[in-house]
């Protein structure tokens, strides 16, 4: 009996270990629908991921592209940037599906926030 229990425990441990080592599945995603509430949830998620003030987002955010580029800063009045010199920094965020859950991913910090109750679909082809 003791041998049988040890064998069962070993099998369970192996299954858990194998499952734990499986890579998670990630896909680029688009929103399936949008609303002011969805936009607000995304704005809140951006602030949680990167800090700062609530960003201004287009009404169709993540409806056409899975990538969001946020600019922060501005050029000085009367100043023409030379070879790309400017005070503007760009933050990139991605809408993804991770193991069936819609998430907002911040690659710079390798962090993400689950967007519960927001529907998105995997991007399957490039237009």
Protein backbone atom coordinates (compact mmCIF):
# COMPACT_ATOMS: atom_id res chain seq x y z
CA UNK A 1 0.00 0.00 0.00
CA UNK A 2 2.82 2.37 0.89
CA UNK A 3 4.49 1.62 -2.43
CA UNK A 4 1.26 2.34 -4.32
CA UNK A 5 0.79 5.70 -2.55
CA UNK A 6 4.38 6.65 -3.34
CA UNK A 7 3.84 5.76 -6.99
CA UNK A 8 0.64 7.84 -7.16
CA UNK A 9 2.38 10.80 -5.52
CA UNK A 10 5.28 10.52 -7.96
CA UNK A 11 2.91 10.51 -10.95
CA UNK A 12 1.08 13.57 -9.65
CA UNK A 13 4.35 15.43 -9.11
CA UNK A 14 5.54 14.58 -12.61
CA UNK A 15 2.30 15.82 -14.16
CA UNK A 16 2.44 19.08 -12.23
CA UNK A 17 6.11 19.54 -13.14
CA UNK A 18 5.47 18.90 -16.83
CA UNK A 19 2.52 21.27 -16.89
CA UNK A 20 4.51 23.95 -15.08
CA UNK A 21 7.30 23.78 -17.70
CA UNK A 22 4.94 24.25 -20.65
CA UNK A 23 5.32 27.69 -22.23
CA UNK A 24 2.32 29.98 -22.02
CA UNK A 25 0.62 30.78 -25.31
CA UNK A 26 0.67 34.45 -26.36
CA UNK A 27 -0.95 36.03 -29.43
CA UNK A 28 -1.24 39.63 -30.57
CA UNK A 29 -4.87 40.70 -30.22
CA UNK A 30 -7.53 43.21 -31.22
CA UNK A 31 -10.59 44.31 -29.31
CA UNK A 32 -13.82 42.75 -30.56
CA UNK A 33 -15.83 45.79 -29.46
CA UNK A 34 -15.24 49.05 -27.66
CA UNK A 35 -17.08 51.49 -25.44
CA UNK A 36 -16.21 54.37 -23.11
CA UNK A 37 -15.97 51.83 -20.26
CA UNK A 38 -13.49 49.65 -22.20
CA UNK A 39 -11.42 52.71 -23.08
CA UNK A 40 -11.38 53.75 -19.39
CA UNK A 41 -10.24 50.25 -18.32
CA UNK A 42 -7.38 50.41 -20.82
CA UNK A 43 -6.39 53.90 -19.60
CA UNK A 44 -6.37 52.64 -16.00
CA UNK A 45 -4.25 49.63 -17.00
CA UNK A 46 -1.72 51.90 -18.75
CA UNK A 47 -1.35 54.01 -15.59
CA UNK A 48 -0.90 50.87 -13.45
CA UNK A 49 1.75 49.48 -15.79
CA UNK A 50 3.85 52.57 -16.44
CA UNK A 51 2.68 55.23 -14.01
CA UNK A 52 2.10 58.84 -14.91
CA UNK A 53 -1.11 60.55 -15.92
CA UNK A 54 -4.08 59.02 -17.72
CA UNK A 55 -3.27 58.98 -21.44
CA UNK A 56 -5.55 60.26 -24.16
CA UNK A 57 -6.65 57.34 -26.33
CA UNK A 58 -8.50 57.17 -29.62
CA UNK A 59 -12.06 55.84 -29.48
CA UNK A 60 -10.97 52.91 -31.68
CA UNK A 61 -7.89 51.99 -29.62
CA UNK A 62 -6.81 48.37 -30.31
CA UNK A 63 -9.53 47.92 -32.95
CA UNK A 64 -7.09 48.16 -35.91
CA UNK A 65 -3.66 47.47 -34.40
CA UNK A 66 -2.48 45.38 -31.46
CA UNK A 67 0.22 47.98 -30.68
CA UNK A 68 -0.31 51.28 -28.89
CA UNK A 69 2.37 53.98 -29.09
CA UNK A 70 2.11 56.74 -26.49
CA UNK A 71 4.13 59.93 -26.87
CA UNK A 72 5.15 61.98 -23.87
CA UNK A 73 6.86 65.34 -23.95
CA UNK A 74 6.97 67.99 -26.64
CA UNK A 75 9.26 69.95 -28.89
CA UNK A 76 10.30 73.36 -27.65
CA UNK A 77 8.56 76.30 -29.39
CA UNK A 78 10.61 77.56 -32.33
CA UNK A 79 12.97 74.59 -32.06
CA UNK A 80 13.45 72.36 -35.09
CA UNK A 81 14.83 68.95 -34.12
CA UNK A 82 18.06 68.01 -35.89
CA UNK A 83 18.33 64.40 -36.97
CA UNK A 84 15.54 63.32 -34.67
CA UNK A 85 16.61 65.22 -31.55
CA UNK A 86 13.54 66.04 -29.48
CA UNK A 87 12.10 65.85 -25.99
CA UNK A 88 9.47 63.27 -26.94
CA UNK A 89 9.69 59.77 -25.49
CA UNK A 90 7.57 56.94 -26.86
CA UNK A 91 6.06 54.11 -24.85
CA UNK A 92 4.92 50.93 -26.60
CA UNK A 93 2.16 48.71 -25.22
CA UNK A 94 0.57 45.62 -26.76
CA UNK A 95 -2.82 44.00 -26.53
CA UNK A 96 -2.35 40.24 -26.23
CA UNK A 97 -4.16 37.04 -25.48
CA UNK A 98 -2.25 34.99 -22.90
CA UNK A 99 -3.68 31.55 -22.26
CA UNK A 100 -7.12 32.70 -23.38
CA UNK A 101 -7.12 35.93 -21.32
CA UNK A 102 -7.03 39.42 -22.85
CA UNK A 103 -4.08 41.38 -21.37
CA UNK A 104 -2.28 44.69 -21.81
CA UNK A 105 1.49 44.03 -22.04
CA UNK A 106 4.28 46.55 -21.35
CA UNK A 107 7.42 45.11 -23.03
CA UNK A 108 9.85 47.61 -21.48
CA UNK A 109 9.17 46.23 -18.00
CA UNK A 110 7.97 42.77 -19.14
CA UNK A 111 4.75 43.26 -17.16
CA UNK A 112 1.12 42.81 -18.05
CA UNK A 113 -2.34 43.36 -16.59
CA UNK A 114 -5.29 41.10 -17.23
CA UNK A 115 -8.23 42.96 -18.76
CA UNK A 116 -11.06 40.96 -17.21
CA UNK A 117 -14.44 41.16 -18.96
CA UNK A 118 -12.89 42.74 -22.06
CA UNK A 119 -13.24 40.65 -25.20
CA UNK A 120 -10.42 40.44 -27.70
CA UNK A 121 -9.52 38.18 -30.60
CA UNK A 122 -6.17 36.87 -31.78
CA UNK A 123 -4.60 38.56 -34.78
CA UNK A 124 -4.34 35.78 -37.33
CA UNK A 125 -3.04 37.60 -40.41
CA UNK A 126 -1.38 40.82 -41.44
CA UNK A 127 -3.50 43.05 -43.68
